[in-house]
Amino acid sequence: MKKHKQVHRLPIQTARFMILFVGLVCVLITFRSYRMTAIRRKELQANREKIEQRAEEIKRTGEDIRRSDDLEFAEEVAREDLGMVKPREVLYIDKSKDREGDRNKEDVK
């Protein structure tokens, strides 16, 4: 006598649901991965721009260091950083730049 093995089959609706569910999960994972890749690309581009800016700053600093023995450089630093002027030189200050609306900052105090 042969024993028949009973085969358990899923109903067709359950199988379709499972396939649809697995497909949806795959699509969601793919979409999330794509979104994360786009975010990383933006961060990478921002970092590259920062690196380029830093490289320019380093280049300018190197030029300043090379010029540090130059009298013109010393004069430039004295004027810009220390606010110094040459003898018999008249310094004009534009008060309109200090105004906020119609009032001076001194009037606000």
PDB file of N, CA and C in Angstrom:
ATOM      1  N   MET A   1       0.817  -1.161   0.000  1.00  0.00           N
ATOM      2  CA  MET A   1       0.000   0.000   0.000  1.00  0.00           C
ATOM      3  C   MET A   1       0.873   1.242   0.000  1.00  0.00           C
ATOM      4  N   LYS A   2       0.466   2.039  -0.821  1.00  0.00           N
ATOM      5  CA  LYS A   2       1.192   3.298  -0.924  1.00  0.00           C
ATOM      6  C   LYS A   2       0.523   4.334  -0.055  1.00  0.00           C
ATOM      7  N   LYS A   3       1.396   5.022   0.641  1.00  0.00           N
ATOM      8  CA  LYS A   3       0.866   6.124   1.418  1.00  0.00           C
ATOM      9  C   LYS A   3       1.033   7.390   0.587  1.00  0.00           C
ATOM     10  N   HIS A   4      -0.026   8.077   0.444  1.00  0.00           N
ATOM     11  CA  HIS A   4       0.019   9.341  -0.297  1.00  0.00           C
ATOM     12  C   HIS A   4       0.360  10.457   0.663  1.00  0.00           C
ATOM     13  N   LYS A   5       1.371  11.179   0.238  1.00  0.00           N
ATOM     14  CA  LYS A   5       1.719  12.342   1.042  1.00  0.00           C
ATOM     15  C   LYS A   5       0.761  13.456   0.699  1.00  0.00           C
ATOM     16  N   GLN A   6       0.317  14.065   1.710  1.00  0.00           N
ATOM     17  CA  GLN A   6      -0.626  15.146   1.499  1.00  0.00           C
ATOM     18  C   GLN A   6       0.173  16.430   1.261  1.00  0.00           C
ATOM     19  N   VAL A   7      -0.075  17.082   0.175  1.00  0.00           N
ATOM     20  CA  VAL A   7       0.620  18.299  -0.203  1.00  0.00           C
ATOM     21  C   VAL A   7      -0.211  19.474   0.280  1.00  0.00           C
ATOM     22  N   HIS A   8       0.454  20.333   1.058  1.00  0.00           N
ATOM     23  CA  HIS A   8      -0.224  21.529   1.538  1.00  0.00           C
ATOM     24  C   HIS A   8       0.073  22.675   0.579  1.00  0.00           C
ATOM     25  N   ARG A   9      -0.924  23.210   0.022  1.00  0.00           N
ATOM     26  CA  ARG A   9      -0.765  24.328  -0.898  1.00  0.00           C
ATOM     27  C   ARG A   9      -1.426  25.561  -0.310  1.00  0.00           C
ATOM     28  N   LEU A  10      -0.787  26.684  -0.604  1.00  0.00           N
ATOM     29  CA  LEU A  10      -1.358  27.950  -0.171  1.00  0.00           C
ATOM     30  C   LEU A  10      -2.489  28.332  -1.115  1.00  0.00           C
ATOM     31  N   PRO A  11      -3.487  28.926  -0.584  1.00  0.00           N
ATOM     32  CA  PRO A  11      -4.528  29.434  -1.478  1.00  0.00           C
ATOM     33  C   PRO A  11      -3.934  30.493  -2.405  1.00  0.00           C
ATOM     34  N   ILE A  12      -4.458  30.610  -3.584  1.00  0.00           N
ATOM     35  CA  ILE A  12      -3.919  31.515  -4.598  1.00  0.00           C
ATOM     36  C   ILE A  12      -3.942  32.967  -4.138  1.00  0.00           C
ATOM     37  N   GLN A  13      -4.943  33.379  -3.399  1.00  0.00           N
ATOM     38  CA  GLN A  13      -5.014  34.763  -2.918  1.00  0.00           C
ATOM     39  C   GLN A  13      -3.902  35.048  -1.912  1.00  0.00           C
ATOM     40  N   THR A  14      -3.608  34.088  -1.065  1.00  0.00           N
ATOM     41  CA  THR A  14      -2.533  34.255  -0.092  1.00  0.00           C
ATOM     42  C   THR A  14      -1.191  34.356  -0.809  1.00  0.00           C
ATOM     43  N   ALA A  15      -0.978  33.528  -1.809  1.00  0.00           N
ATOM     44  CA  ALA A  15       0.269  33.568  -2.574  1.00  0.00           C
ATOM     45  C   ALA A  15       0.424  34.915  -3.280  1.00  0.00           C
ATOM     46  N   ARG A  16      -0.647  35.412  -3.872  1.00  0.00           N
ATOM     47  CA  ARG A  16      -0.593  36.715  -4.551  1.00  0.00           C
ATOM     48  C   ARG A  16      -0.282  37.827  -3.536  1.00  0.00           C
ATOM     49  N   PHE A  17      -0.924  37.751  -2.375  1.00  0.00           N
ATOM     50  CA  PHE A  17      -0.685  38.746  -1.336  1.00  0.00           C
ATOM     51  C   PHE A  17       0.774  38.714  -0.899  1.00  0.00           C
ATOM     52  N   MET A  18       1.327  37.536  -0.707  1.00  0.00           N
ATOM     53  CA  MET A  18       2.725  37.409  -0.262  1.00  0.00           C
ATOM     54  C   MET A  18       3.673  37.973  -1.325  1.00  0.00           C
ATOM     55  N   ILE A  19       3.432  37.673  -2.570  1.00  0.00           N
ATOM     56  CA  ILE A  19       4.270  38.193  -3.655  1.00  0.00           C
ATOM     57  C   ILE A  19       4.179  39.712  -3.708  1.00  0.00           C
ATOM     58  N   LEU A  20       2.971  40.234  -3.602  1.00  0.00           N
ATOM     59  CA  LEU A  20       2.768  41.681  -3.607  1.00  0.00           C
ATOM     60  C   LEU A  20       3.471  42.338  -2.407  1.00  0.00           C
ATOM     61  N   PHE A  21       3.359  41.719  -1.258  1.00  0.00           N
ATOM     62  CA  PHE A  21       3.988  42.246  -0.049  1.00  0.00           C
ATOM     63  C   PHE A  21       5.509  42.264  -0.183  1.00  0.00           C
ATOM     64  N   VAL A  22       6.078  41.190  -0.665  1.00  0.00           N
ATOM     65  CA  VAL A  22       7.535  41.106  -0.849  1.00  0.00           C
ATOM     66  C   VAL A  22       7.983  42.149  -1.877  1.00  0.00           C
ATOM     67  N   GLY A  23       7.228  42.312  -2.945  1.00  0.00           N
ATOM     68  CA  GLY A  23       7.557  43.319  -3.963  1.00  0.00           C
ATOM     69  C   GLY A  23       7.519  44.728  -3.391  1.00  0.00           C
ATOM     70  N   LEU A  24       6.508  45.001  -2.579  1.00  0.00           N
ATOM     71  CA  LEU A  24       6.379  46.318  -1.960  1.00  0.00           C
ATOM     72  C   LEU A  24       7.550  46.593  -1.012  1.00  0.00           C
ATOM     73  N   VAL A  25       7.935  45.605  -0.235  1.00  0.00           N
ATOM     74  CA  VAL A  25       9.077  45.749   0.667  1.00  0.00           C
ATOM     75  C   VAL A  25      10.343  46.036  -0.142  1.00  0.00           C
ATOM     76  N   CYS A  26      10.540  45.336  -1.254  1.00  0.00           N
ATOM     77  CA  CYS A  26      11.718  45.568  -2.103  1.00  0.00           C
ATOM     78  C   CYS A  26      11.721  46.987  -2.664  1.00  0.00           C
ATOM     79  N   VAL A  27      10.563  47.463  -3.101  1.00  0.00           N
ATOM     80  CA  VAL A  27      10.469  48.822  -3.633  1.00  0.00           C
ATOM     81  C   VAL A  27      10.779  49.839  -2.548  1.00  0.00           C
ATOM     82  N   LEU A  28      10.247  49.649  -1.354  1.00  0.00           N
ATOM     83  CA  LEU A  28      10.514  50.580  -0.255  1.00  0.00           C
ATOM     84  C   LEU A  28      11.993  50.604   0.126  1.00  0.00           C
ATOM     85  N   ILE A  29      12.618  49.463   0.164  1.00  0.00           N
ATOM     86  CA  ILE A  29      14.046  49.391   0.489  1.00  0.00           C
ATOM     87  C   ILE A  29      14.859  50.099  -0.586  1.00  0.00           C
ATOM     88  N   THR A  30      14.506  49.883  -1.844  1.00  0.00           N
ATOM     89  CA  THR A  30      15.216  50.526  -2.951  1.00  0.00           C
ATOM     90  C   THR A  30      15.050  52.043  -2.890  1.00  0.00           C
ATOM     91  N   PHE A  31      13.840  52.510  -2.621  1.00  0.00           N
ATOM     92  CA  PHE A  31      13.582  53.944  -2.540  1.00  0.00           C
ATOM     93  C   PHE A  31      14.368  54.576  -1.398  1.00  0.00           C
ATOM     94  N   ARG A  32      14.377  53.924  -0.249  1.00  0.00           N
ATOM     95  CA  ARG A  32      15.129  54.452   0.901  1.00  0.00           C
ATOM     96  C   ARG A  32      16.624  54.499   0.603  1.00  0.00           C
ATOM     97  N   SER A  33      17.125  53.467  -0.046  1.00  0.00           N
ATOM     98  CA  SER A  33      18.537  53.432  -0.409  1.00  0.00           C
ATOM     99  C   SER A  33      18.873  54.563  -1.383  1.00  0.00           C
ATOM    100  N   TYR A  34      18.005  54.803  -2.352  1.00  0.00           N
ATOM    101  CA  TYR A  34      18.209  55.885  -3.316  1.00  0.00           C
ATOM    102  C   TYR A  34      18.215  57.241  -2.608  1.00  0.00           C
ATOM    103  N   ARG A  35      17.286  57.423  -1.681  1.00  0.00           N
ATOM    104  CA  ARG A  35      17.193  58.678  -0.939  1.00  0.00           C
ATOM    105  C   ARG A  35      18.442  58.913  -0.090  1.00  0.00           C
ATOM    106  N   MET A  36      18.923  57.885   0.565  1.00  0.00           N
ATOM    107  CA  MET A  36      20.134  58.013   1.382  1.00  0.00           C
ATOM    108  C   MET A  36      21.347  58.323   0.499  1.00  0.00           C
ATOM    109  N   THR A  37      21.407  57.730  -0.673  1.00  0.00           N
ATOM    110  CA  THR A  37      22.501  58.003  -1.601  1.00  0.00           C
ATOM    111  C   THR A  37      22.466  59.458  -2.050  1.00  0.00           C
ATOM    112  N   ALA A  38      21.281  59.979  -2.318  1.00  0.00           N
ATOM    113  CA  ALA A  38      21.150  61.382  -2.728  1.00  0.00           C
ATOM    114  C   ALA A  38      21.606  62.312  -1.605  1.00  0.00           C
ATOM    115  N   ILE A  39      21.244  62.002  -0.372  1.00  0.00           N
ATOM    116  CA  ILE A  39      21.662  62.814   0.772  1.00  0.00           C
ATOM    117  C   ILE A  39      23.182  62.774   0.914  1.00  0.00           C
ATOM    118  N   ARG A  40      23.756  61.616   0.764  1.00  0.00           N
ATOM    119  CA  ARG A  40      25.219  61.487   0.876  1.00  0.00           C
ATOM    120  C   ARG A  40      25.924  62.251  -0.236  1.00  0.00           C
ATOM    121  N   ARG A  41      25.349  62.260  -1.432  1.00  0.00           N
ATOM    122  CA  ARG A  41      25.950  63.018  -2.534  1.00  0.00           C
ATOM    123  C   ARG A  41      25.947  64.508  -2.230  1.00  0.00           C
ATOM    124  N   LYS A  42      24.849  65.009  -1.662  1.00  0.00           N
ATOM    125  CA  LYS A  42      24.776  66.424  -1.298  1.00  0.00           C
ATOM    126  C   LYS A  42      25.819  66.755  -0.238  1.00  0.00           C
ATOM    127  N   GLU A  43      25.958  65.893   0.758  1.00  0.00           N
ATOM    128  CA  GLU A  43      26.957  66.108   1.802  1.00  0.00           C
ATOM    129  C   GLU A  43      28.367  66.088   1.223  1.00  0.00           C
ATOM    130  N   LEU A  44      28.606  65.175   0.306  1.00  0.00           N
ATOM    131  CA  LEU A  44      29.915  65.077  -0.334  1.00  0.00           C
ATOM    132  C   LEU A  44      30.219  66.346  -1.116  1.00  0.00           C
ATOM    133  N   GLN A  45      29.241  66.861  -1.850  1.00  0.00           N
ATOM    134  CA  GLN A  45      29.438  68.094  -2.610  1.00  0.00           C
ATOM    135  C   GLN A  45      29.713  69.267  -1.681  1.00  0.00           C
ATOM    136  N   ALA A  46      28.966  69.343  -0.577  1.00  0.00           N
ATOM    137  CA  ALA A  46      29.190  70.421   0.393  1.00  0.00           C
ATOM    138  C   ALA A  46      30.594  70.321   0.985  1.00  0.00           C
ATOM    139  N   ASN A  47      31.025  69.117   1.295  1.00  0.00           N
ATOM    140  CA  ASN A  47      32.367  68.923   1.845  1.00  0.00           C
ATOM    141  C   ASN A  47      33.442  69.307   0.834  1.00  0.00           C
ATOM    142  N   ARG A  48      33.217  68.988  -0.439  1.00  0.00           N
ATOM    143  CA  ARG A  48      34.180  69.366  -1.478  1.00  0.00           C
ATOM    144  C   ARG A  48      34.285  70.884  -1.587  1.00  0.00           C
ATOM    145  N   GLU A  49      33.150  71.573  -1.501  1.00  0.00           N
ATOM    146  CA  GLU A  49      33.172  73.029  -1.561  1.00  0.00           C
ATOM    147  C   GLU A  49      33.920  73.614  -0.367  1.00  0.00           C
ATOM    148  N   LYS A  50      33.702  73.032   0.821  1.00  0.00           N
ATOM    149  CA  LYS A  50      34.426  73.489   2.009  1.00  0.00           C
ATOM    150  C   LYS A  50      35.928  73.275   1.846  1.00  0.00           C
ATOM    151  N   ILE A  51      36.297  72.138   1.275  1.00  0.00           N
ATOM    152  CA  ILE A  51      37.718  71.831   1.064  1.00  0.00           C
ATOM    153  C   ILE A  51      38.331  72.843   0.105  1.00  0.00           C
ATOM    154  N   GLU A  52      37.595  73.185  -0.962  1.00  0.00           N
ATOM    155  CA  GLU A  52      38.102  74.172  -1.916  1.00  0.00           C
ATOM    156  C   GLU A  52      38.274  75.537  -1.247  1.00  0.00           C
ATOM    157  N   GLN A  53      37.315  75.919  -0.398  1.00  0.00           N
ATOM    158  CA  GLN A  53      37.429  77.193   0.314  1.00  0.00           C
ATOM    159  C   GLN A  53      38.637  77.190   1.240  1.00  0.00           C
ATOM    160  N   ARG A  54      38.815  76.089   1.955  1.00  0.00           N
ATOM    161  CA  ARG A  54      39.966  75.987   2.875  1.00  0.00           C
ATOM    162  C   ARG A  54      41.276  76.043   2.092  1.00  0.00           C
ATOM    163  N   ALA A  55      41.307  75.398   0.923  1.00  0.00           N
ATOM    164  CA  ALA A  55      42.521  75.416   0.106  1.00  0.00           C
ATOM    165  C   ALA A  55      42.840  76.838  -0.334  1.00  0.00           C
ATOM    166  N   GLU A  56      41.813  77.610  -0.695  1.00  0.00           N
ATOM    167  CA  GLU A  56      42.025  79.010  -1.069  1.00  0.00           C
ATOM    168  C   GLU A  56      42.541  79.820   0.126  1.00  0.00           C
ATOM    169  N   GLU A  57      41.959  79.582   1.307  1.00  0.00           N
ATOM    170  CA  GLU A  57      42.419  80.277   2.509  1.00  0.00           C
ATOM    171  C   GLU A  57      43.880  79.941   2.804  1.00  0.00           C
ATOM    172  N   ILE A  58      44.224  78.679   2.651  1.00  0.00           N
ATOM    173  CA  ILE A  58      45.605  78.250   2.896  1.00  0.00           C
ATOM    174  C   ILE A  58      46.542  78.908   1.893  1.00  0.00           C
ATOM    175  N   LYS A  59      46.089  78.978   0.648  1.00  0.00           N
ATOM    176  CA  LYS A  59      46.906  79.605  -0.386  1.00  0.00           C
ATOM    177  C   LYS A  59      47.131  81.086  -0.070  1.00  0.00           C
ATOM    178  N   ARG A  60      46.060  81.789   0.328  1.00  0.00           N
ATOM    179  CA  ARG A  60      46.197  83.207   0.679  1.00  0.00           C
ATOM    180  C   ARG A  60      47.094  83.386   1.897  1.00  0.00           C
ATOM    181  N   THR A  61      46.937  82.511   2.878  1.00  0.00           N
ATOM    182  CA  THR A  61      47.776  82.591   4.071  1.00  0.00           C
ATOM    183  C   THR A  61      49.239  82.364   3.714  1.00  0.00           C
ATOM    184  N   GLY A  62      49.484  81.414   2.834  1.00  0.00           N
ATOM    185  CA  GLY A  62      50.854  81.175   2.376  1.00  0.00           C
ATOM    186  C   GLY A  62      51.434  82.383   1.674  1.00  0.00           C
ATOM    187  N   GLU A  63      50.607  83.044   0.851  1.00  0.00           N
ATOM    188  CA  GLU A  63      51.066  84.254   0.181  1.00  0.00           C
ATOM    189  C   GLU A  63      51.351  85.357   1.200  1.00  0.00           C
ATOM    190  N   ASP A  64      50.486  85.466   2.211  1.00  0.00           N
ATOM    191  CA  ASP A  64      50.711  86.467   3.265  1.00  0.00           C
ATOM    192  C   ASP A  64      52.002  86.182   4.018  1.00  0.00           C
ATOM    193  N   ILE A  65      52.268  84.926   4.279  1.00  0.00           N
ATOM    194  CA  ILE A  65      53.504  84.559   4.987  1.00  0.00           C
ATOM    195  C   ILE A  65      54.722  84.911   4.140  1.00  0.00           C
ATOM    196  N   ARG A  66      54.635  84.627   2.835  1.00  0.00           N
ATOM    197  CA  ARG A  66      55.760  84.971   1.957  1.00  0.00           C
ATOM    198  C   ARG A  66      55.963  86.487   1.874  1.00  0.00           C
ATOM    199  N   ARG A  67      54.873  87.250   1.969  1.00  0.00           N
ATOM    200  CA  ARG A  67      54.949  88.703   1.884  1.00  0.00           C
ATOM    201  C   ARG A  67      55.224  89.354   3.239  1.00  0.00           C
ATOM    202  N   SER A  68      55.317  88.585   4.293  1.00  0.00           N
ATOM    203  CA  SER A  68      55.395  89.160   5.641  1.00  0.00           C
ATOM    204  C   SER A  68      56.622  90.041   5.851  1.00  0.00           C
ATOM    205  N   ASP A  69      57.685  89.860   5.078  1.00  0.00           N
ATOM    206  CA  ASP A  69      58.876  90.701   5.209  1.00  0.00           C
ATOM    207  C   ASP A  69      58.759  91.980   4.381  1.00  0.00           C
ATOM    208  N   ASP A  70      57.732  92.081   3.568  1.00  0.00           N
ATOM    209  CA  ASP A  70      57.534  93.223   2.686  1.00  0.00           C
ATOM    210  C   ASP A  70      56.943  94.397   3.463  1.00  0.00           C
ATOM    211  N   LEU A  71      57.418  95.612   3.192  1.00  0.00           N
ATOM    212  CA  LEU A  71      56.910  96.798   3.873  1.00  0.00           C
ATOM    213  C   LEU A  71      55.460  97.100   3.500  1.00  0.00           C
ATOM    214  N   GLU A  72      55.079  96.818   2.262  1.00  0.00           N
ATOM    215  CA  GLU A  72      53.696  97.048   1.841  1.00  0.00           C
ATOM    216  C   GLU A  72      52.737  96.162   2.642  1.00  0.00           C
ATOM    217  N   PHE A  73      53.159  94.952   2.908  1.00  0.00           N
ATOM    218  CA  PHE A  73      52.329  94.038   3.702  1.00  0.00           C
ATOM    219  C   PHE A  73      52.191  94.559   5.129  1.00  0.00           C
ATOM    220  N   ALA A  74      53.297  95.033   5.692  1.00  0.00           N
ATOM    221  CA  ALA A  74      53.258  95.572   7.054  1.00  0.00           C
ATOM    222  C   ALA A  74      52.327  96.779   7.121  1.00  0.00           C
ATOM    223  N   GLU A  75      52.368  97.621   6.087  1.00  0.00           N
ATOM    224  CA  GLU A  75      51.481  98.784   6.040  1.00  0.00           C
ATOM    225  C   GLU A  75      50.018  98.344   5.934  1.00  0.00           C
ATOM    226  N   GLU A  76      49.774  97.365   5.100  1.00  0.00           N
ATOM    227  CA  GLU A  76      48.407  96.848   4.929  1.00  0.00           C
ATOM    228  C   GLU A  76      47.846  96.302   6.240  1.00  0.00           C
ATOM    229  N   VAL A  77      48.655  95.540   6.962  1.00  0.00           N
ATOM    230  CA  VAL A  77      48.221  94.983   8.252  1.00  0.00           C
ATOM    231  C   VAL A  77      47.980  96.108   9.252  1.00  0.00           C
ATOM    232  N   ALA A  78      48.880  97.087   9.277  1.00  0.00           N
ATOM    233  CA  ALA A  78      48.730  98.197  10.214  1.00  0.00           C
ATOM    234  C   ALA A  78      47.446  98.978   9.931  1.00  0.00           C
ATOM    235  N   ARG A  79      47.113  99.177   8.668  1.00  0.00           N
ATOM    236  CA  ARG A  79      45.914  99.933   8.317  1.00  0.00           C
ATOM    237  C   ARG A  79      44.637  99.139   8.593  1.00  0.00           C
ATOM    238  N   GLU A  80      44.595  97.893   8.124  1.00  0.00           N
ATOM    239  CA  GLU A  80      43.356  97.111   8.215  1.00  0.00           C
ATOM    240  C   GLU A  80      43.111  96.553   9.620  1.00  0.00           C
ATOM    241  N   ASP A  81      44.129  95.970  10.211  1.00  0.00           N
ATOM    242  CA  ASP A  81      43.927  95.295  11.496  1.00  0.00           C
ATOM    243  C   ASP A  81      44.068  96.234  12.691  1.00  0.00           C
ATOM    244  N   LEU A  82      44.980  97.178  12.602  1.00  0.00           N
ATOM    245  CA  LEU A  82      45.255  98.040  13.739  1.00  0.00           C
ATOM    246  C   LEU A  82      44.642  99.430  13.608  1.00  0.00           C
ATOM    247  N   GLY A  83      44.114  99.778  12.432  1.00  0.00           N
ATOM    248  CA  GLY A  83      43.464 101.071  12.230  1.00  0.00           C
ATOM    249  C   GLY A  83      44.431 102.240  12.231  1.00  0.00           C
ATOM    250  N   MET A  84      45.665 102.009  11.870  1.00  0.00           N
ATOM    251  CA  MET A  84      46.667 103.070  11.882  1.00  0.00           C
ATOM    252  C   MET A  84      46.600 103.875  10.583  1.00  0.00           C
ATOM    253  N   VAL A  85      47.086 105.116  10.635  1.00  0.00           N
ATOM    254  CA  VAL A  85      47.156 105.988   9.463  1.00  0.00           C
ATOM    255  C   VAL A  85      48.561 106.576   9.366  1.00  0.00           C
ATOM    256  N   LYS A  86      48.882 107.084   8.176  1.00  0.00           N
ATOM    257  CA  LYS A  86      50.186 107.710   7.964  1.00  0.00           C
ATOM    258  C   LYS A  86      50.182 109.104   8.586  1.00  0.00           C
ATOM    259  N   PRO A  87      51.358 109.624   8.865  1.00  0.00           N
ATOM    260  CA  PRO A  87      51.422 111.008   9.370  1.00  0.00           C
ATOM    261  C   PRO A  87      50.815 111.984   8.358  1.00  0.00           C
ATOM    262  N   ARG A  88      50.116 113.006   8.838  1.00  0.00           N
ATOM    263  CA  ARG A  88      49.442 114.035   8.047  1.00  0.00           C
ATOM    264  C   ARG A  88      48.377 113.458   7.118  1.00  0.00           C
ATOM    265  N   GLU A  89      47.938 112.255   7.397  1.00  0.00           N
ATOM    266  CA  GLU A  89      46.866 111.651   6.611  1.00  0.00           C
ATOM    267  C   GLU A  89      45.558 111.878   7.357  1.00  0.00           C
ATOM    268  N   VAL A  90      44.514 112.279   6.625  1.00  0.00           N
ATOM    269  CA  VAL A  90      43.225 112.575   7.236  1.00  0.00           C
ATOM    270  C   VAL A  90      42.304 111.384   6.983  1.00  0.00           C
ATOM    271  N   LEU A  91      41.680 110.918   8.032  1.00  0.00           N
ATOM    272  CA  LEU A  91      40.776 109.784   7.936  1.00  0.00           C
ATOM    273  C   LEU A  91      39.345 110.291   8.002  1.00  0.00           C
ATOM    274  N   TYR A  92      38.565 109.987   6.986  1.00  0.00           N
ATOM    275  CA  TYR A  92      37.163 110.397   6.946  1.00  0.00           C
ATOM    276  C   TYR A  92      36.292 109.190   7.266  1.00  0.00           C
ATOM    277  N   ILE A  93      35.322 109.379   8.151  1.00  0.00           N
ATOM    278  CA  ILE A  93      34.398 108.305   8.528  1.00  0.00           C
ATOM    279  C   ILE A  93      33.011 108.695   8.054  1.00  0.00           C
ATOM    280  N   ASP A  94      32.399 107.831   7.304  1.00  0.00           N
ATOM    281  CA  ASP A  94      31.053 108.067   6.785  1.00  0.00           C
ATOM    282  C   ASP A  94      30.047 107.666   7.859  1.00  0.00           C
ATOM    283  N   LYS A  95      29.403 108.651   8.457  1.00  0.00           N
ATOM    284  CA  LYS A  95      28.451 108.399   9.541  1.00  0.00           C
ATOM    285  C   LYS A  95      27.183 107.709   9.044  1.00  0.00           C
ATOM    286  N   SER A  96      26.860 107.868   7.767  1.00  0.00           N
ATOM    287  CA  SER A  96      25.618 107.271   7.264  1.00  0.00           C
ATOM    288  C   SER A  96      25.681 105.743   7.281  1.00  0.00           C
ATOM    289  N   LYS A  97      26.866 105.176   7.283  1.00  0.00           N
ATOM    290  CA  LYS A  97      26.991 103.725   7.359  1.00  0.00           C
ATOM    291  C   LYS A  97      26.625 103.206   8.743  1.00  0.00           C
ATOM    292  N   ASP A  98      26.795 104.066   9.755  1.00  0.00           N
ATOM    293  CA  ASP A  98      26.504 103.668  11.129  1.00  0.00           C
ATOM    294  C   ASP A  98      25.035 103.840  11.495  1.00  0.00           C
ATOM    295  N   ARG A  99      24.249 104.454  10.643  1.00  0.00           N
ATOM    296  CA  ARG A  99      22.851 104.761  10.966  1.00  0.00           C
ATOM    297  C   ARG A  99      21.955 103.540  10.827  1.00  0.00           C
ATOM    298  N   GLU A 100      20.994 103.477  11.705  1.00  0.00           N
ATOM    299  CA  GLU A 100      19.930 102.472  11.634  1.00  0.00           C
ATOM    300  C   GLU A 100      18.633 103.242  11.480  1.00  0.00           C
ATOM    301  N   GLY A 101      18.125 103.294  10.278  1.00  0.00           N
ATOM    302  CA  GLY A 101      16.945 104.108  10.031  1.00  0.00           C
ATOM    303  C   GLY A 101      17.334 105.564  10.073  1.00  0.00           C
ATOM    304  N   ASP A 102      16.692 106.363  10.923  1.00  0.00           N
ATOM    305  CA  ASP A 102      16.984 107.789  11.050  1.00  0.00           C
ATOM    306  C   ASP A 102      17.823 108.098  12.278  1.00  0.00           C
ATOM    307  N   ARG A 103      18.117 107.080  13.101  1.00  0.00           N
ATOM    308  CA  ARG A 103      18.824 107.327  14.357  1.00  0.00           C
ATOM    309  C   ARG A 103      20.240 106.767  14.306  1.00  0.00           C
ATOM    310  N   ASN A 104      21.145 107.433  14.969  1.00  0.00           N
ATOM    311  CA  ASN A 104      22.502 106.945  15.144  1.00  0.00           C
ATOM    312  C   ASN A 104      22.517 105.896  16.250  1.00  0.00           C
ATOM    313  N   LYS A 105      23.517 105.062  16.269  1.00  0.00           N
ATOM    314  CA  LYS A 105      23.664 104.092  17.356  1.00  0.00           C
ATOM    315  C   LYS A 105      23.890 104.812  18.680  1.00  0.00           C
ATOM    316  N   GLU A 106      24.562 105.971  18.619  1.00  0.00           N
ATOM    317  CA  GLU A 106      24.815 106.736  19.831  1.00  0.00           C
ATOM    318  C   GLU A 106      23.523 107.290  20.405  1.00  0.00           C
ATOM    319  N   ASP A 107      22.558 107.655  19.530  1.00  0.00           N
ATOM    320  CA  ASP A 107      21.288 108.180  19.988  1.00  0.00           C
ATOM    321  C   ASP A 107      20.426 107.101  20.640  1.00  0.00           C
ATOM    322  N   VAL A 108      20.627 105.853  20.212  1.00  0.00           N
ATOM    323  CA  VAL A 108      19.823 104.745  20.725  1.00  0.00           C
ATOM    324  C   VAL A 108      20.195 104.434  22.151  1.00  0.00           C
ATOM    325  N   LYS A 109      21.456 104.634  22.526  1.00  0.00           N
ATOM    326  CA  LYS A 109      21.941 104.302  23.864  1.00  0.00           C
ATOM    327  C   LYS A 109      21.278 105.078  24.889  1.00  0.00           C
TER     328      LYS A 109
END
